[in-house]
Amino acid sequence: MKDRITRNRKGVLHVNGTPVRVPKSADYTDTEALQYVEKCAEWAPGARWDFSMLEIGALNRIAEAKGIND
């Protein structure tokens, strides 16, 4: 399945229609969070990922949008 990744006029990243916002005070960007989730999916194809223990909400939202979250 090809994921649909877009940005709206306000610059908010959308992954398969799910908005992904990263706090401005964070040390990472929304694009870096997306790349991390994609890299995890490459490391273990078909695996289910749970990023809730990292307390980074953007990772969970991206994983859910991509369908790789529990």
N, C-alpha and C. Protein backbone atom coordinates (compact mmCIF):
# COMPACT_ATOMS: atom_id res chain seq x y z
N MET A 1 0.83 -1.17 0.00
CA MET A 1 0.00 0.00 0.00
C MET A 1 0.88 1.25 0.00
N LYS A 2 0.59 2.15 -0.89
CA LYS A 2 1.33 3.41 -0.98
C LYS A 2 0.68 4.41 -0.03
N ASP A 3 1.48 4.99 0.85
CA ASP A 3 0.98 5.96 1.81
C ASP A 3 0.84 7.32 1.15
N ARG A 4 -0.18 8.06 1.55
CA ARG A 4 -0.41 9.40 1.05
C ARG A 4 0.12 10.39 2.09
N ILE A 5 1.17 11.11 1.74
CA ILE A 5 1.80 12.06 2.65
C ILE A 5 1.71 13.44 2.00
N THR A 6 1.03 14.37 2.70
CA THR A 6 0.82 15.71 2.17
C THR A 6 1.01 16.74 3.27
N ARG A 7 1.04 17.99 2.86
CA ARG A 7 1.03 19.13 3.78
C ARG A 7 -0.09 20.05 3.36
N ASN A 8 -0.79 20.61 4.35
CA ASN A 8 -1.84 21.56 4.01
C ASN A 8 -1.25 22.97 3.91
N ARG A 9 -2.10 23.96 3.70
CA ARG A 9 -1.62 25.34 3.52
C ARG A 9 -0.92 25.88 4.76
N LYS A 10 -1.28 25.38 5.93
CA LYS A 10 -0.65 25.84 7.17
C LYS A 10 0.64 25.11 7.47
N GLY A 11 1.01 24.14 6.64
CA GLY A 11 2.26 23.41 6.84
C GLY A 11 2.15 22.18 7.70
N VAL A 12 0.91 21.77 8.03
CA VAL A 12 0.73 20.59 8.88
C VAL A 12 0.87 19.33 8.02
N LEU A 13 1.71 18.41 8.48
CA LEU A 13 1.93 17.15 7.79
C LEU A 13 0.72 16.24 7.98
N HIS A 14 0.27 15.61 6.90
CA HIS A 14 -0.83 14.64 6.96
C HIS A 14 -0.33 13.32 6.39
N VAL A 15 -0.53 12.24 7.14
CA VAL A 15 -0.17 10.91 6.69
C VAL A 15 -1.47 10.13 6.56
N ASN A 16 -1.83 9.78 5.34
CA ASN A 16 -3.08 9.07 5.05
C ASN A 16 -4.28 9.77 5.69
N GLY A 17 -4.28 11.10 5.66
CA GLY A 17 -5.39 11.88 6.17
C GLY A 17 -5.31 12.22 7.65
N THR A 18 -4.36 11.67 8.38
CA THR A 18 -4.20 11.94 9.81
C THR A 18 -3.19 13.08 10.02
N PRO A 19 -3.62 14.17 10.67
CA PRO A 19 -2.66 15.27 10.89
C PRO A 19 -1.61 14.90 11.93
N VAL A 20 -0.38 15.29 11.66
CA VAL A 20 0.73 15.01 12.57
C VAL A 20 1.36 16.34 12.94
N ARG A 21 1.24 16.71 14.20
CA ARG A 21 1.82 17.96 14.68
C ARG A 21 2.89 17.65 15.72
N VAL A 22 4.00 18.32 15.60
CA VAL A 22 5.11 18.17 16.54
C VAL A 22 5.26 19.51 17.25
N PRO A 23 5.41 19.51 18.58
CA PRO A 23 5.58 20.78 19.30
C PRO A 23 6.79 21.56 18.79
N LYS A 24 6.67 22.86 18.75
CA LYS A 24 7.78 23.70 18.29
C LYS A 24 8.99 23.60 19.20
N SER A 25 8.78 23.22 20.45
CA SER A 25 9.89 23.10 21.39
C SER A 25 10.60 21.76 21.29
N ALA A 26 10.12 20.87 20.43
CA ALA A 26 10.73 19.53 20.30
C ALA A 26 12.07 19.62 19.59
N ASP A 27 12.90 18.63 19.85
CA ASP A 27 14.23 18.57 19.23
C ASP A 27 14.20 17.86 17.87
N TYR A 28 13.03 17.56 17.36
CA TYR A 28 12.89 16.84 16.10
C TYR A 28 11.75 17.47 15.31
N THR A 29 11.72 17.21 14.02
CA THR A 29 10.67 17.76 13.17
C THR A 29 9.67 16.66 12.83
N ASP A 30 8.55 17.04 12.23
CA ASP A 30 7.56 16.06 11.82
C ASP A 30 8.12 15.14 10.74
N THR A 31 8.96 15.67 9.89
CA THR A 31 9.58 14.86 8.84
C THR A 31 10.52 13.82 9.44
N GLU A 32 11.28 14.20 10.46
CA GLU A 32 12.18 13.24 11.12
C GLU A 32 11.39 12.14 11.81
N ALA A 33 10.25 12.49 12.41
CA ALA A 33 9.40 11.48 13.06
C ALA A 33 8.87 10.51 12.01
N LEU A 34 8.45 11.02 10.87
CA LEU A 34 7.97 10.17 9.78
C LEU A 34 9.06 9.24 9.28
N GLN A 35 10.26 9.77 9.10
CA GLN A 35 11.38 8.96 8.64
C GLN A 35 11.71 7.86 9.63
N TYR A 36 11.63 8.15 10.93
CA TYR A 36 11.92 7.15 11.96
C TYR A 36 10.90 6.00 11.89
N VAL A 37 9.62 6.34 11.78
CA VAL A 37 8.59 5.30 11.70
C VAL A 37 8.77 4.47 10.44
N GLU A 38 9.07 5.12 9.32
CA GLU A 38 9.30 4.38 8.08
C GLU A 38 10.51 3.47 8.20
N LYS A 39 11.56 3.92 8.87
CA LYS A 39 12.76 3.10 9.06
C LYS A 39 12.44 1.88 9.93
N CYS A 40 11.63 2.07 10.97
CA CYS A 40 11.23 0.95 11.82
C CYS A 40 10.44 -0.08 11.00
N ALA A 41 9.57 0.39 10.14
CA ALA A 41 8.79 -0.51 9.29
C ALA A 41 9.69 -1.28 8.32
N GLU A 42 10.78 -0.66 7.87
CA GLU A 42 11.73 -1.33 6.99
C GLU A 42 12.53 -2.39 7.75
N TRP A 43 12.89 -2.09 9.01
CA TRP A 43 13.70 -3.02 9.80
C TRP A 43 12.96 -4.33 10.05
N ALA A 44 11.67 -4.26 10.28
CA ALA A 44 10.88 -5.46 10.58
C ALA A 44 9.55 -5.39 9.82
N PRO A 45 9.57 -5.77 8.55
CA PRO A 45 8.34 -5.71 7.76
C PRO A 45 7.25 -6.60 8.37
N GLY A 46 6.05 -6.07 8.46
CA GLY A 46 4.93 -6.82 9.00
C GLY A 46 4.81 -6.77 10.51
N ALA A 47 5.80 -6.18 11.18
CA ALA A 47 5.76 -6.10 12.65
C ALA A 47 4.78 -5.01 13.08
N ARG A 48 4.26 -5.15 14.30
CA ARG A 48 3.38 -4.14 14.88
C ARG A 48 4.23 -3.33 15.86
N TRP A 49 4.14 -2.01 15.79
CA TRP A 49 4.96 -1.13 16.60
C TRP A 49 4.11 -0.37 17.60
N ASP A 50 4.63 -0.21 18.83
CA ASP A 50 3.97 0.57 19.87
C ASP A 50 4.98 1.59 20.38
N PHE A 51 4.77 2.85 20.03
CA PHE A 51 5.69 3.91 20.41
C PHE A 51 5.21 4.68 21.64
N SER A 52 4.19 4.21 22.33
CA SER A 52 3.60 4.96 23.44
C SER A 52 4.57 5.14 24.60
N MET A 53 5.48 4.22 24.81
CA MET A 53 6.43 4.34 25.92
C MET A 53 7.45 5.45 25.68
N LEU A 54 7.64 5.86 24.45
CA LEU A 54 8.57 6.94 24.15
C LEU A 54 7.97 8.31 24.47
N GLU A 55 6.68 8.35 24.71
CA GLU A 55 5.96 9.58 25.02
C GLU A 55 6.13 10.65 23.95
N ILE A 56 6.19 10.21 22.71
CA ILE A 56 6.22 11.12 21.57
C ILE A 56 4.95 10.83 20.77
N GLY A 57 3.97 11.67 20.97
CA GLY A 57 2.66 11.44 20.37
C GLY A 57 2.68 11.36 18.86
N ALA A 58 3.57 12.12 18.22
CA ALA A 58 3.63 12.12 16.77
C ALA A 58 3.97 10.74 16.23
N LEU A 59 4.83 10.01 16.91
CA LEU A 59 5.21 8.67 16.43
C LEU A 59 4.01 7.74 16.43
N ASN A 60 3.22 7.77 17.49
CA ASN A 60 2.03 6.92 17.54
C ASN A 60 1.03 7.30 16.46
N ARG A 61 0.81 8.60 16.25
CA ARG A 61 -0.14 9.03 15.23
C ARG A 61 0.30 8.58 13.84
N ILE A 62 1.59 8.68 13.58
CA ILE A 62 2.11 8.26 12.27
C ILE A 62 1.97 6.75 12.11
N ALA A 63 2.33 6.00 13.15
CA ALA A 63 2.22 4.53 13.09
C ALA A 63 0.77 4.09 12.88
N GLU A 64 -0.17 4.75 13.57
CA GLU A 64 -1.58 4.42 13.38
C GLU A 64 -2.03 4.73 11.97
N ALA A 65 -1.61 5.88 11.44
CA ALA A 65 -1.99 6.28 10.08
C ALA A 65 -1.44 5.31 9.04
N LYS A 66 -0.24 4.81 9.30
CA LYS A 66 0.38 3.86 8.37
C LYS A 66 -0.10 2.44 8.57
N GLY A 67 -0.83 2.20 9.68
CA GLY A 67 -1.37 0.86 9.94
C GLY A 67 -0.37 -0.11 10.51
N ILE A 68 0.67 0.37 11.22
CA ILE A 68 1.66 -0.54 11.80
C ILE A 68 1.64 -0.49 13.31
N ASN A 69 0.60 0.08 13.90
CA ASN A 69 0.50 0.21 15.35
C ASN A 69 -0.46 -0.84 15.88
N ASP A 70 -0.27 -1.24 17.15
CA ASP A 70 -1.19 -2.19 17.78
C ASP A 70 -2.52 -1.57 18.06
